[in-house]
Amino acid sequence: MNADDEQLLRGRVYGHDHDDPNPGPLPHQTYAALVGGPLDGLLLDITGWLPEEIDDGVALMTELGRWPGGRALYDPLPAEPRPPFGPGVVCRLHYSGDTP
């Protein structure tokens, strides 16, 4: 991924297209910040998720990972506290690998 790709992703919500007129976070929604890997800098909408669902981590489809059309795996760090990390951002999920 080059610097232009990284800038394009920063502050966007996963699943929103780059040409979406409002690709950023919405008020009254809850997000996890994706850290590292191909989706670094994106926010994942976790509105309504239970804590144990967040603890399970996620496998997110992406064309940017090791296997185009595969999934990038993101998990919480067990010892990381969950204070707010910004407006609407309640936790961080860290890249742990790719899967086809």
Protein backbone atom coordinates (compact mmCIF):
# COMPACT_ATOMS: atom_id res chain seq x y z
CA MET A 1 0.00 0.00 0.00
CA ASN A 2 1.38 3.41 -0.90
CA ALA A 3 0.99 6.77 0.87
CA ASP A 4 -1.94 7.78 -1.36
CA ASP A 5 -3.82 4.59 -0.45
CA GLU A 6 -3.17 5.19 3.24
CA GLN A 7 -4.45 8.76 3.03
CA LEU A 8 -7.57 7.55 1.21
CA LEU A 9 -8.39 5.13 4.05
CA ARG A 10 -7.68 7.40 7.03
CA GLY A 11 -10.84 8.39 8.93
CA ARG A 12 -13.24 6.40 6.73
CA VAL A 13 -15.69 3.81 7.93
CA TYR A 14 -15.08 0.25 6.72
CA GLY A 15 -17.57 -0.65 4.00
CA HIS A 16 -18.03 2.91 2.71
CA ASP A 17 -16.71 3.66 -0.78
CA HIS A 18 -13.98 6.26 -1.20
CA ASP A 19 -16.34 8.36 -3.34
CA ASP A 20 -19.19 8.19 -0.80
CA PRO A 21 -20.24 11.80 -0.08
CA ASN A 22 -19.97 11.09 3.68
CA PRO A 23 -17.47 8.23 4.23
CA GLY A 24 -16.61 9.34 7.76
CA PRO A 25 -18.12 8.45 11.13
CA LEU A 26 -21.66 9.46 11.99
CA PRO A 27 -22.79 10.97 15.29
CA HIS A 28 -24.42 8.57 17.75
CA GLN A 29 -22.63 5.55 16.24
CA THR A 30 -19.94 3.50 17.99
CA TYR A 31 -16.69 2.57 16.27
CA ALA A 32 -13.56 0.48 16.69
CA ALA A 33 -10.36 1.88 15.20
CA LEU A 34 -8.52 -0.65 12.99
CA VAL A 35 -4.79 -0.61 13.72
CA GLY A 36 -2.15 -2.03 11.37
CA GLY A 37 -2.52 -4.26 8.35
CA PRO A 38 -4.31 -3.44 5.12
CA LEU A 39 -7.22 -1.60 6.78
CA ASP A 40 -5.12 0.57 9.10
CA GLY A 41 -6.84 3.87 9.83
CA LEU A 42 -10.37 2.73 9.02
CA LEU A 43 -13.16 2.72 11.57
CA LEU A 44 -15.45 -0.29 12.02
CA ASP A 45 -19.05 0.44 13.00
CA ILE A 46 -19.72 -1.67 16.12
CA THR A 47 -22.93 0.04 17.17
CA GLY A 48 -25.00 -2.44 19.17
CA TRP A 49 -22.22 -5.03 19.54
CA LEU A 50 -21.91 -6.77 22.90
CA PRO A 51 -18.49 -6.70 24.63
CA GLU A 52 -18.00 -10.44 23.98
CA GLU A 53 -18.62 -9.88 20.25
CA ILE A 54 -15.85 -7.28 20.22
CA ASP A 55 -13.60 -9.66 22.20
CA ASP A 56 -14.05 -12.31 19.47
CA GLY A 57 -12.41 -10.03 16.88
CA VAL A 58 -13.40 -9.77 13.24
CA ALA A 59 -12.48 -11.09 9.78
CA LEU A 60 -13.08 -8.27 7.30
CA MET A 61 -13.21 -8.74 3.53
CA THR A 62 -10.60 -6.73 1.64
CA GLU A 63 -8.86 -6.57 -1.72
CA LEU A 64 -5.83 -5.02 0.03
CA GLY A 65 -4.64 -8.03 2.02
CA ARG A 66 -2.30 -10.88 1.20
CA TRP A 67 -5.09 -12.66 -0.70
CA PRO A 68 -7.26 -10.30 -2.79
CA GLY A 69 -10.86 -11.07 -1.91
CA GLY A 70 -9.71 -12.65 1.36
CA ARG A 71 -10.12 -11.38 4.88
CA ALA A 72 -7.97 -9.33 7.22
CA LEU A 73 -8.15 -10.46 10.85
CA TYR A 74 -8.41 -7.87 13.64
CA ASP A 75 -8.51 -8.59 17.37
CA PRO A 76 -8.47 -6.56 20.60
CA LEU A 77 -5.34 -6.70 22.71
CA PRO A 78 -6.26 -8.49 25.95
CA ALA A 79 -4.56 -6.00 28.27
CA GLU A 80 -5.57 -2.85 26.40
CA PRO A 81 -8.10 -0.71 28.31
CA ARG A 82 -11.19 0.54 26.50
CA PRO A 83 -11.31 4.26 27.15
CA PRO A 84 -12.67 6.42 24.34
CA PHE A 85 -10.01 6.87 21.64
CA GLY A 86 -11.82 9.75 19.94
CA PRO A 87 -15.37 10.84 19.13
CA GLY A 88 -17.42 7.65 18.93
CA VAL A 89 -14.33 5.39 19.01
CA VAL A 90 -14.53 3.08 22.03
CA CYS A 91 -11.82 0.51 21.28
CA ARG A 92 -9.06 -0.53 18.92
CA LEU A 93 -8.77 -3.77 16.99
CA HIS A 94 -5.25 -4.76 15.97
CA TYR A 95 -4.26 -6.59 12.79
CA SER A 96 -3.35 -10.22 13.43
CA GLY A 97 -3.08 -11.67 9.91
CA ASP A 98 -4.85 -12.55 6.68
CA THR A 99 -6.90 -15.52 5.56
CA PRO A 100 -8.06 -16.48 2.05
